[in-house]
N, C-alpha and C. Protein backbone atom coordinates (compact mmCIF):
# COMPACT_ATOMS: atom_id res chain seq x y z
N MET A 1 -15.66 -51.80 -17.24
CA MET A 1 -15.11 -50.53 -16.82
C MET A 1 -14.24 -50.76 -15.61
N GLU A 2 -13.06 -50.15 -15.62
CA GLU A 2 -12.11 -50.32 -14.52
C GLU A 2 -12.60 -49.57 -13.29
N GLY A 3 -12.13 -50.00 -12.13
CA GLY A 3 -12.56 -49.43 -10.86
C GLY A 3 -12.34 -47.93 -10.77
N ASP A 4 -11.16 -47.46 -11.17
CA ASP A 4 -10.87 -46.03 -11.09
C ASP A 4 -11.78 -45.22 -11.99
N ASP A 5 -12.06 -45.77 -13.19
CA ASP A 5 -12.96 -45.07 -14.11
C ASP A 5 -14.37 -44.99 -13.53
N TRP A 6 -14.84 -46.09 -12.96
CA TRP A 6 -16.18 -46.10 -12.39
C TRP A 6 -16.26 -45.18 -11.17
N THR A 7 -15.20 -45.15 -10.36
CA THR A 7 -15.17 -44.25 -9.21
C THR A 7 -15.25 -42.80 -9.67
N ALA A 8 -14.53 -42.47 -10.72
CA ALA A 8 -14.56 -41.10 -11.24
C ALA A 8 -15.94 -40.75 -11.80
N LEU A 9 -16.55 -41.70 -12.51
CA LEU A 9 -17.90 -41.46 -13.04
C LEU A 9 -18.92 -41.32 -11.92
N ARG A 10 -18.81 -42.17 -10.92
CA ARG A 10 -19.74 -42.09 -9.79
C ARG A 10 -19.63 -40.73 -9.10
N ARG A 11 -18.41 -40.26 -8.95
CA ARG A 11 -18.19 -38.94 -8.34
C ARG A 11 -18.78 -37.83 -9.22
N LEU A 12 -18.62 -37.97 -10.53
CA LEU A 12 -19.18 -36.98 -11.45
C LEU A 12 -20.70 -36.98 -11.38
N ALA A 13 -21.30 -38.15 -11.27
CA ALA A 13 -22.76 -38.23 -11.12
C ALA A 13 -23.20 -37.53 -9.84
N GLN A 14 -22.51 -37.79 -8.75
CA GLN A 14 -22.84 -37.13 -7.47
C GLN A 14 -22.67 -35.63 -7.57
N ASP A 15 -21.62 -35.18 -8.22
CA ASP A 15 -21.39 -33.74 -8.37
C ASP A 15 -22.47 -33.08 -9.22
N ASN A 16 -22.85 -33.75 -10.30
CA ASN A 16 -23.92 -33.21 -11.14
C ASN A 16 -25.24 -33.14 -10.36
N TRP A 17 -25.51 -34.16 -9.57
CA TRP A 17 -26.74 -34.16 -8.78
C TRP A 17 -26.73 -33.03 -7.75
N ALA A 18 -25.63 -32.86 -7.05
CA ALA A 18 -25.52 -31.78 -6.07
C ALA A 18 -25.69 -30.42 -6.74
N GLN A 19 -25.08 -30.23 -7.90
CA GLN A 19 -25.20 -28.94 -8.58
C GLN A 19 -26.60 -28.74 -9.12
N SER A 20 -27.26 -29.81 -9.53
CA SER A 20 -28.64 -29.72 -9.98
C SER A 20 -29.54 -29.16 -8.88
N LYS A 21 -29.38 -29.70 -7.69
CA LYS A 21 -30.19 -29.20 -6.56
C LYS A 21 -29.88 -27.75 -6.25
N ALA A 22 -28.60 -27.37 -6.33
CA ALA A 22 -28.21 -25.98 -6.10
C ALA A 22 -28.77 -25.07 -7.18
N ASP A 23 -28.74 -25.52 -8.43
CA ASP A 23 -29.26 -24.72 -9.53
C ASP A 23 -30.77 -24.52 -9.40
N LEU A 24 -31.49 -25.54 -8.95
CA LEU A 24 -32.93 -25.41 -8.76
C LEU A 24 -33.22 -24.40 -7.66
N ALA A 25 -32.49 -24.46 -6.57
CA ALA A 25 -32.66 -23.48 -5.48
C ALA A 25 -32.34 -22.08 -5.97
N THR A 26 -31.31 -21.94 -6.80
CA THR A 26 -30.95 -20.64 -7.36
C THR A 26 -32.08 -20.12 -8.25
N ALA A 27 -32.66 -21.00 -9.06
CA ALA A 27 -33.76 -20.58 -9.94
C ALA A 27 -34.93 -20.05 -9.12
N ILE A 28 -35.24 -20.71 -8.02
CA ILE A 28 -36.34 -20.25 -7.15
C ILE A 28 -36.01 -18.88 -6.55
N THR A 29 -34.79 -18.74 -6.07
CA THR A 29 -34.38 -17.46 -5.49
C THR A 29 -34.45 -16.33 -6.52
N LEU A 30 -33.98 -16.60 -7.72
CA LEU A 30 -34.02 -15.59 -8.78
C LEU A 30 -35.45 -15.25 -9.18
N ARG A 31 -36.31 -16.24 -9.27
CA ARG A 31 -37.71 -16.00 -9.57
C ARG A 31 -38.32 -15.10 -8.50
N ASP A 32 -38.08 -15.44 -7.24
CA ASP A 32 -38.64 -14.67 -6.13
C ASP A 32 -38.09 -13.25 -6.09
N ALA A 33 -36.88 -13.05 -6.64
CA ALA A 33 -36.27 -11.71 -6.69
C ALA A 33 -36.70 -10.95 -7.95
N GLY A 34 -37.48 -11.57 -8.81
CA GLY A 34 -37.95 -10.91 -10.01
C GLY A 34 -36.95 -10.91 -11.16
N ILE A 35 -35.95 -11.77 -11.09
CA ILE A 35 -34.94 -11.88 -12.17
C ILE A 35 -35.33 -13.11 -12.98
N TYR A 36 -36.36 -12.93 -13.79
CA TYR A 36 -37.04 -14.06 -14.40
C TYR A 36 -36.20 -14.78 -15.46
N TYR A 37 -35.49 -14.04 -16.30
CA TYR A 37 -34.71 -14.72 -17.35
C TYR A 37 -33.64 -15.62 -16.75
N ALA A 38 -33.02 -15.18 -15.65
CA ALA A 38 -32.00 -15.98 -15.01
C ALA A 38 -32.63 -17.19 -14.31
N ALA A 39 -33.83 -17.02 -13.77
CA ALA A 39 -34.54 -18.15 -13.16
C ALA A 39 -34.80 -19.23 -14.20
N VAL A 40 -35.19 -18.80 -15.40
CA VAL A 40 -35.42 -19.75 -16.50
C VAL A 40 -34.13 -20.50 -16.84
N PHE A 41 -33.03 -19.77 -16.95
CA PHE A 41 -31.75 -20.39 -17.26
C PHE A 41 -31.36 -21.42 -16.20
N PHE A 42 -31.47 -21.05 -14.93
CA PHE A 42 -31.07 -21.98 -13.88
C PHE A 42 -32.03 -23.16 -13.76
N ALA A 43 -33.28 -22.99 -14.13
CA ALA A 43 -34.20 -24.14 -14.18
C ALA A 43 -33.74 -25.13 -15.26
N GLN A 44 -33.30 -24.58 -16.40
CA GLN A 44 -32.76 -25.45 -17.45
C GLN A 44 -31.50 -26.16 -16.98
N GLN A 45 -30.64 -25.43 -16.30
CA GLN A 45 -29.39 -26.01 -15.82
C GLN A 45 -29.65 -27.11 -14.77
N ALA A 46 -30.62 -26.89 -13.91
CA ALA A 46 -30.97 -27.91 -12.92
C ALA A 46 -31.41 -29.20 -13.60
N ALA A 47 -32.26 -29.04 -14.62
CA ALA A 47 -32.75 -30.21 -15.35
C ALA A 47 -31.61 -30.91 -16.09
N GLU A 48 -30.76 -30.13 -16.73
CA GLU A 48 -29.63 -30.71 -17.48
C GLU A 48 -28.73 -31.52 -16.57
N LYS A 49 -28.36 -30.97 -15.45
CA LYS A 49 -27.45 -31.67 -14.55
C LYS A 49 -28.11 -32.88 -13.89
N ALA A 50 -29.41 -32.80 -13.64
CA ALA A 50 -30.11 -33.97 -13.08
C ALA A 50 -30.11 -35.11 -14.10
N LEU A 51 -30.42 -34.78 -15.36
CA LEU A 51 -30.39 -35.82 -16.40
C LEU A 51 -29.00 -36.38 -16.61
N LYS A 52 -28.00 -35.52 -16.59
CA LYS A 52 -26.62 -35.99 -16.73
C LYS A 52 -26.23 -36.91 -15.59
N ALA A 53 -26.67 -36.59 -14.37
CA ALA A 53 -26.37 -37.44 -13.21
C ALA A 53 -26.96 -38.84 -13.41
N VAL A 54 -28.17 -38.89 -13.93
CA VAL A 54 -28.82 -40.20 -14.14
C VAL A 54 -28.12 -40.96 -15.28
N ILE A 55 -27.78 -40.29 -16.35
CA ILE A 55 -27.08 -40.95 -17.45
C ILE A 55 -25.75 -41.52 -16.98
N ILE A 56 -25.01 -40.72 -16.23
CA ILE A 56 -23.73 -41.19 -15.73
C ILE A 56 -23.92 -42.38 -14.79
N GLY A 57 -24.87 -42.26 -13.89
CA GLY A 57 -25.09 -43.31 -12.90
C GLY A 57 -25.69 -44.57 -13.48
N ARG A 58 -26.63 -44.43 -14.41
CA ARG A 58 -27.32 -45.58 -14.96
C ARG A 58 -26.63 -46.19 -16.18
N LEU A 59 -26.20 -45.32 -17.09
CA LEU A 59 -25.63 -45.79 -18.36
C LEU A 59 -24.11 -45.84 -18.35
N GLN A 60 -23.53 -45.32 -17.29
CA GLN A 60 -22.08 -45.31 -17.10
C GLN A 60 -21.34 -44.69 -18.29
N LYS A 61 -21.89 -43.57 -18.74
CA LYS A 61 -21.22 -42.80 -19.79
C LYS A 61 -21.40 -41.33 -19.48
N GLN A 62 -20.48 -40.55 -19.97
CA GLN A 62 -20.53 -39.11 -19.72
C GLN A 62 -21.20 -38.42 -20.90
N PRO A 63 -22.38 -37.85 -20.70
CA PRO A 63 -23.10 -37.19 -21.80
C PRO A 63 -22.42 -35.88 -22.18
N ARG A 64 -22.53 -35.54 -23.44
CA ARG A 64 -21.96 -34.29 -23.96
C ARG A 64 -23.09 -33.40 -24.45
N GLY A 65 -22.86 -32.12 -24.39
CA GLY A 65 -23.82 -31.17 -24.94
C GLY A 65 -24.87 -30.74 -23.92
N HIS A 66 -25.95 -30.17 -24.45
CA HIS A 66 -26.96 -29.56 -23.60
C HIS A 66 -28.37 -29.94 -24.04
N ASN A 67 -28.53 -30.95 -24.90
CA ASN A 67 -29.83 -31.29 -25.45
C ASN A 67 -30.62 -32.17 -24.48
N LEU A 68 -31.55 -31.54 -23.78
CA LEU A 68 -32.33 -32.26 -22.77
C LEU A 68 -33.21 -33.33 -23.38
N ILE A 69 -33.69 -33.12 -24.59
CA ILE A 69 -34.53 -34.12 -25.25
C ILE A 69 -33.71 -35.37 -25.53
N THR A 70 -32.50 -35.21 -26.03
CA THR A 70 -31.63 -36.35 -26.26
C THR A 70 -31.32 -37.09 -24.96
N PHE A 71 -31.02 -36.35 -23.90
CA PHE A 71 -30.73 -36.97 -22.61
C PHE A 71 -31.95 -37.77 -22.12
N ALA A 72 -33.13 -37.16 -22.19
CA ALA A 72 -34.35 -37.84 -21.72
C ALA A 72 -34.63 -39.08 -22.58
N ASN A 73 -34.41 -38.97 -23.88
CA ASN A 73 -34.58 -40.13 -24.78
C ASN A 73 -33.63 -41.24 -24.41
N ASP A 74 -32.37 -40.89 -24.15
CA ASP A 74 -31.38 -41.90 -23.77
C ASP A 74 -31.82 -42.69 -22.53
N LEU A 75 -32.61 -42.04 -21.69
CA LEU A 75 -33.06 -42.65 -20.43
C LEU A 75 -34.46 -43.26 -20.54
N ASN A 76 -35.03 -43.24 -21.73
CA ASN A 76 -36.41 -43.72 -21.92
C ASN A 76 -37.36 -43.07 -20.91
N ALA A 77 -37.22 -41.77 -20.78
CA ALA A 77 -38.02 -41.02 -19.81
C ALA A 77 -39.50 -41.04 -20.19
N PRO A 78 -40.38 -40.95 -19.20
CA PRO A 78 -41.82 -40.91 -19.49
C PRO A 78 -42.21 -39.61 -20.17
N LEU A 79 -43.42 -39.60 -20.72
CA LEU A 79 -43.90 -38.48 -21.51
C LEU A 79 -43.83 -37.14 -20.77
N GLU A 80 -44.19 -37.11 -19.49
CA GLU A 80 -44.18 -35.85 -18.76
C GLU A 80 -42.76 -35.27 -18.62
N VAL A 81 -41.77 -36.15 -18.54
CA VAL A 81 -40.38 -35.71 -18.49
C VAL A 81 -39.93 -35.26 -19.88
N MET A 82 -40.35 -35.97 -20.91
CA MET A 82 -40.03 -35.56 -22.28
C MET A 82 -40.62 -34.17 -22.56
N ASN A 83 -41.86 -33.97 -22.15
CA ASN A 83 -42.49 -32.66 -22.36
C ASN A 83 -41.76 -31.56 -21.61
N ALA A 84 -41.36 -31.84 -20.38
CA ALA A 84 -40.60 -30.85 -19.60
C ALA A 84 -39.26 -30.57 -20.28
N ALA A 85 -38.61 -31.61 -20.78
CA ALA A 85 -37.34 -31.42 -21.50
C ALA A 85 -37.54 -30.56 -22.73
N GLY A 86 -38.63 -30.77 -23.44
CA GLY A 86 -38.93 -29.96 -24.60
C GLY A 86 -39.17 -28.51 -24.24
N GLU A 87 -39.84 -28.28 -23.14
CA GLU A 87 -40.10 -26.91 -22.68
C GLU A 87 -38.80 -26.17 -22.36
N LEU A 88 -37.86 -26.87 -21.77
CA LEU A 88 -36.62 -26.24 -21.31
C LEU A 88 -35.49 -26.25 -22.33
N ASN A 89 -35.57 -27.11 -23.33
CA ASN A 89 -34.41 -27.41 -24.17
C ASN A 89 -33.74 -26.19 -24.78
N LEU A 90 -34.49 -25.30 -25.35
CA LEU A 90 -33.91 -24.14 -26.02
C LEU A 90 -33.45 -23.05 -25.08
N GLU A 91 -33.85 -23.13 -23.82
CA GLU A 91 -33.54 -22.07 -22.87
C GLU A 91 -32.07 -21.98 -22.52
N PHE A 92 -31.30 -23.02 -22.81
CA PHE A 92 -29.86 -22.94 -22.57
C PHE A 92 -29.28 -21.73 -23.28
N LEU A 93 -29.75 -21.46 -24.48
CA LEU A 93 -29.27 -20.31 -25.25
C LEU A 93 -30.23 -19.12 -25.18
N SER A 94 -31.52 -19.38 -25.37
CA SER A 94 -32.44 -18.25 -25.53
C SER A 94 -32.71 -17.47 -24.25
N SER A 95 -32.42 -18.04 -23.10
CA SER A 95 -32.62 -17.30 -21.85
C SER A 95 -31.46 -16.34 -21.58
N ARG A 96 -30.39 -16.45 -22.38
CA ARG A 96 -29.20 -15.64 -22.12
C ARG A 96 -28.77 -14.78 -23.30
N ASN A 97 -29.08 -15.19 -24.51
CA ASN A 97 -28.51 -14.56 -25.69
C ASN A 97 -29.58 -13.97 -26.61
N PRO A 98 -29.56 -12.65 -26.82
CA PRO A 98 -30.55 -12.05 -27.71
C PRO A 98 -30.58 -12.66 -29.11
N GLU A 99 -29.42 -13.09 -29.61
CA GLU A 99 -29.40 -13.65 -30.97
C GLU A 99 -30.14 -14.99 -31.04
N HIS A 100 -30.42 -15.60 -29.91
CA HIS A 100 -31.17 -16.86 -29.89
C HIS A 100 -32.58 -16.69 -29.33
N ALA A 101 -32.91 -15.48 -28.97
CA ALA A 101 -34.24 -15.17 -28.45
C ALA A 101 -34.90 -14.19 -29.42
N GLU A 102 -36.14 -13.96 -29.24
CA GLU A 102 -36.85 -12.97 -30.04
C GLU A 102 -36.83 -11.64 -29.29
N GLY A 103 -35.65 -11.17 -28.98
CA GLY A 103 -35.49 -9.94 -28.23
C GLY A 103 -34.52 -10.12 -27.09
N VAL A 104 -34.64 -9.27 -26.08
CA VAL A 104 -33.76 -9.27 -24.94
C VAL A 104 -34.33 -10.25 -23.89
N PRO A 105 -33.60 -11.31 -23.54
CA PRO A 105 -34.13 -12.26 -22.59
C PRO A 105 -34.63 -11.63 -21.29
N ALA A 106 -33.95 -10.63 -20.80
CA ALA A 106 -34.36 -9.99 -19.55
C ALA A 106 -35.70 -9.27 -19.69
N GLN A 107 -36.10 -8.96 -20.93
CA GLN A 107 -37.38 -8.29 -21.16
C GLN A 107 -38.47 -9.26 -21.60
N ILE A 108 -38.09 -10.41 -22.07
CA ILE A 108 -39.06 -11.39 -22.59
C ILE A 108 -39.69 -12.20 -21.45
N HIS A 109 -38.87 -12.64 -20.53
CA HIS A 109 -39.36 -13.55 -19.49
C HIS A 109 -40.03 -12.77 -18.36
N ASP A 110 -41.16 -13.30 -17.93
CA ASP A 110 -41.91 -12.70 -16.83
C ASP A 110 -42.17 -13.77 -15.77
N LEU A 111 -42.97 -13.44 -14.77
CA LEU A 111 -43.25 -14.39 -13.70
C LEU A 111 -43.89 -15.67 -14.22
N ALA A 112 -44.82 -15.54 -15.16
CA ALA A 112 -45.47 -16.73 -15.69
C ALA A 112 -44.46 -17.63 -16.41
N SER A 113 -43.56 -17.03 -17.17
CA SER A 113 -42.53 -17.80 -17.86
C SER A 113 -41.60 -18.48 -16.86
N ALA A 114 -41.19 -17.73 -15.85
CA ALA A 114 -40.31 -18.31 -14.83
C ALA A 114 -40.99 -19.48 -14.14
N ASN A 115 -42.26 -19.32 -13.79
CA ASN A 115 -43.00 -20.40 -13.12
C ASN A 115 -43.14 -21.63 -14.02
N LEU A 116 -43.45 -21.40 -15.29
CA LEU A 116 -43.58 -22.50 -16.26
C LEU A 116 -42.29 -23.31 -16.35
N HIS A 117 -41.18 -22.59 -16.47
CA HIS A 117 -39.90 -23.27 -16.62
C HIS A 117 -39.42 -23.90 -15.31
N LEU A 118 -39.72 -23.25 -14.20
CA LEU A 118 -39.38 -23.86 -12.91
C LEU A 118 -40.16 -25.16 -12.69
N GLU A 119 -41.42 -25.17 -13.07
CA GLU A 119 -42.22 -26.40 -12.94
C GLU A 119 -41.62 -27.52 -13.80
N ALA A 120 -41.18 -27.16 -15.00
CA ALA A 120 -40.57 -28.16 -15.89
C ALA A 120 -39.26 -28.67 -15.29
N GLY A 121 -38.44 -27.76 -14.78
CA GLY A 121 -37.19 -28.17 -14.15
C GLY A 121 -37.44 -29.03 -12.93
N GLN A 122 -38.41 -28.65 -12.12
CA GLN A 122 -38.74 -29.44 -10.93
C GLN A 122 -39.23 -30.83 -11.30
N ARG A 123 -40.02 -30.92 -12.36
CA ARG A 123 -40.53 -32.23 -12.81
C ARG A 123 -39.36 -33.16 -13.17
N ILE A 124 -38.38 -32.64 -13.88
CA ILE A 124 -37.23 -33.45 -14.27
C ILE A 124 -36.38 -33.82 -13.07
N VAL A 125 -36.14 -32.86 -12.19
CA VAL A 125 -35.32 -33.13 -10.99
C VAL A 125 -36.01 -34.18 -10.11
N ASP A 126 -37.32 -34.05 -9.94
CA ASP A 126 -38.07 -35.03 -9.13
C ASP A 126 -37.97 -36.42 -9.74
N TRP A 127 -38.14 -36.51 -11.04
CA TRP A 127 -38.05 -37.82 -11.71
C TRP A 127 -36.65 -38.41 -11.54
N ALA A 128 -35.64 -37.58 -11.73
CA ALA A 128 -34.26 -38.05 -11.58
C ALA A 128 -34.00 -38.54 -10.16
N ARG A 129 -34.51 -37.81 -9.17
CA ARG A 129 -34.32 -38.20 -7.77
C ARG A 129 -34.89 -39.60 -7.53
N ASN A 130 -36.01 -39.88 -8.14
CA ASN A 130 -36.67 -41.17 -7.92
C ASN A 130 -35.96 -42.35 -8.56
N ILE A 131 -35.08 -42.09 -9.54
CA ILE A 131 -34.40 -43.21 -10.18
C ILE A 131 -32.90 -43.25 -9.90
N LEU A 132 -32.40 -42.26 -9.21
CA LEU A 132 -30.96 -42.28 -8.88
C LEU A 132 -30.66 -43.34 -7.83
């Protein structure tokens, strides 16, 4: 890989990592404000960007899509990270779109759901932090 390409990828990894941390903080703020469906979405986003940062940094490739299970598999993530990825994977769509949820996301998600998904997001972000 040429120097300029690697520099651009390294920057993208850093940007994804920074946004991952911001998304996790946003998820916590939204949970605390009682906006549970949005907290779930931002927990998923935090996990996605953390995994993308690791893929870019470790595998030197830019991942496409939003499949957390695929990203975790690409990284040979441990079982607890795979389980967290599985918990969050569908929330990219179902936390925002009624056609992908069994009803209105704003009415489906509650504090317990937000906490469950925040814990999963935190688990992935913590794991990513340890290997970046």
